[in-house]
Amino acid sequence: MSQTTREITLKESKGTFSIFRKSSSNKENYDFSGISALRQLLSNEKARILDVIKNENPSSLYLLSKRLGRDFKSVHEDVKLLERFGFLELVEEKTKNRIRHKPRLISDSITIHIKL
């Protein structure tokens, strides 16, 4: 895994915070607002997902959900959000007659800037 840092910037705007990322032409481009969105993105459950992927390297989303003790649908939704914001990717692997999606980290740190 190459060392990659995701940067999130919070900017004060009329008494509230806005979260943004500078525009780019790749899939890492995102815009969303409100500190509640940041809390949702960096929740304890999503931190657990990142930790299990990093330390246990599950071979599929199914095994990830089993190791977390959570239902598959909830884990899948959380993983898709983490993938959307560039923290991980799902790698397709063919096994016999099935295709499984192996989660793989692509970021190893998060930097949060708060501009007042």
Protein backbone atom coordinates (compact mmCIF):
# COMPACT_ATOMS: atom_id res chain seq x y z
CA MET A 1 0.00 0.00 0.00
CA SER A 2 1.40 3.38 -0.95
CA GLN A 3 1.30 6.07 1.68
CA THR A 4 -1.61 8.40 0.98
CA THR A 5 -3.11 11.11 3.14
CA ARG A 6 -6.70 12.29 2.73
CA GLU A 7 -7.21 15.95 3.57
CA ILE A 8 -10.50 17.34 4.84
CA THR A 9 -10.88 21.06 5.45
CA LEU A 10 -13.50 22.65 7.67
CA LYS A 11 -14.14 26.32 7.00
CA GLU A 12 -16.22 28.66 9.15
CA SER A 13 -19.00 30.29 7.16
CA LYS A 14 -21.67 32.44 8.79
CA GLY A 15 -21.48 30.65 12.13
CA THR A 16 -21.38 27.12 10.71
CA PHE A 17 -18.67 24.90 9.30
CA SER A 18 -18.47 23.79 5.70
CA ILE A 19 -16.37 20.83 4.66
CA PHE A 20 -14.82 20.85 1.25
CA ARG A 21 -12.01 19.45 -0.83
CA LYS A 22 -10.25 21.28 -3.62
CA SER A 23 -11.56 20.30 -7.03
CA SER A 24 -9.67 17.72 -9.02
CA SER A 25 -10.49 15.56 -11.99
CA ASN A 26 -10.26 12.16 -10.28
CA LYS A 27 -12.61 10.12 -8.10
CA GLU A 28 -11.19 11.68 -4.94
CA ASN A 29 -13.13 14.87 -5.69
CA TYR A 30 -15.93 15.52 -3.20
CA ASP A 31 -17.95 18.32 -1.68
CA PHE A 32 -20.25 18.11 1.32
CA SER A 33 -21.25 20.48 4.10
CA GLY A 34 -21.78 20.46 7.83
CA ILE A 35 -19.73 19.07 10.67
CA SER A 36 -22.38 16.35 11.13
CA ALA A 37 -21.34 14.94 7.74
CA LEU A 38 -17.76 14.69 9.00
CA ARG A 39 -18.94 12.92 12.15
CA GLN A 40 -20.92 10.48 10.03
CA LEU A 41 -17.95 9.80 7.75
CA LEU A 42 -15.59 9.26 10.67
CA SER A 43 -17.90 7.34 13.00
CA ASN A 44 -16.70 4.64 15.39
CA GLU A 45 -18.17 1.92 13.16
CA LYS A 46 -16.30 3.18 10.11
CA ALA A 47 -13.10 3.43 12.17
CA ARG A 48 -13.60 -0.22 13.18
CA ILE A 49 -14.02 -1.15 9.50
CA LEU A 50 -10.74 0.55 8.60
CA ASP A 51 -8.99 -1.10 11.56
CA VAL A 52 -10.18 -4.61 10.66
CA ILE A 53 -9.22 -4.14 7.02
CA LYS A 54 -5.76 -2.89 8.02
CA ASN A 55 -5.01 -5.50 10.69
CA GLU A 56 -6.93 -8.60 9.61
CA ASN A 57 -7.03 -8.19 5.81
CA PRO A 58 -10.41 -9.91 5.20
CA SER A 59 -10.73 -11.49 1.76
CA SER A 60 -14.33 -10.31 1.19
CA LEU A 61 -17.04 -7.98 2.43
CA TYR A 62 -18.84 -11.01 3.85
CA LEU A 63 -15.84 -11.93 6.03
CA LEU A 64 -15.45 -8.28 7.04
CA SER A 65 -19.05 -8.17 8.26
CA LYS A 66 -18.57 -11.44 10.18
CA ARG A 67 -15.40 -10.16 11.88
CA LEU A 68 -17.20 -6.96 12.85
CA GLY A 69 -20.28 -8.81 14.11
CA ARG A 70 -22.52 -6.59 11.96
CA ASP A 71 -25.03 -7.35 9.24
CA PHE A 72 -23.73 -7.40 5.67
CA LYS A 73 -26.00 -4.62 4.36
CA SER A 74 -24.84 -2.08 6.97
CA VAL A 75 -21.17 -2.92 6.44
CA HIS A 76 -21.62 -2.71 2.65
CA GLU A 77 -23.19 0.77 2.92
CA ASP A 78 -20.38 1.98 5.21
CA VAL A 79 -17.71 0.52 2.93
CA LYS A 80 -19.26 2.19 -0.14
CA LEU A 81 -19.15 5.57 1.65
CA LEU A 82 -15.51 5.04 2.65
CA GLU A 83 -14.75 4.03 -0.93
CA ARG A 84 -16.49 7.12 -2.29
CA PHE A 85 -14.27 9.38 -0.18
CA GLY A 86 -11.07 7.57 -1.13
CA PHE A 87 -10.20 5.72 2.06
CA LEU A 88 -10.42 2.25 0.54
CA GLU A 89 -11.19 0.40 -2.66
CA LEU A 90 -12.99 -2.82 -3.49
CA VAL A 91 -10.91 -5.19 -5.58
CA GLU A 92 -12.84 -7.78 -7.60
CA GLU A 93 -11.48 -11.29 -7.25
CA LYS A 94 -12.86 -14.29 -9.06
CA THR A 95 -13.11 -17.48 -7.02
CA LYS A 96 -14.53 -20.50 -8.81
CA ASN A 97 -17.92 -19.32 -10.11
CA ARG A 98 -18.22 -16.22 -7.92
CA ILE A 99 -16.84 -12.73 -7.85
CA ARG A 100 -16.03 -11.37 -4.43
CA HIS A 101 -15.05 -7.84 -3.48
CA LYS A 102 -11.98 -7.59 -1.28
CA PRO A 103 -11.68 -4.32 0.66
CA ARG A 104 -8.23 -2.73 0.49
CA LEU A 105 -7.02 0.46 2.18
CA ILE A 106 -5.64 3.14 -0.10
CA SER A 107 -5.13 5.80 2.61
CA ASP A 108 -3.06 5.45 5.71
CA SER A 109 -3.80 8.80 7.36
CA ILE A 110 -6.39 11.56 7.54
CA THR A 111 -5.55 15.23 8.03
CA ILE A 112 -8.30 17.59 9.15
CA HIS A 113 -7.79 21.35 8.82
CA ILE A 114 -10.10 23.78 10.57
CA LYS A 115 -10.14 27.32 9.16
CA LEU A 116 -11.77 29.98 11.28
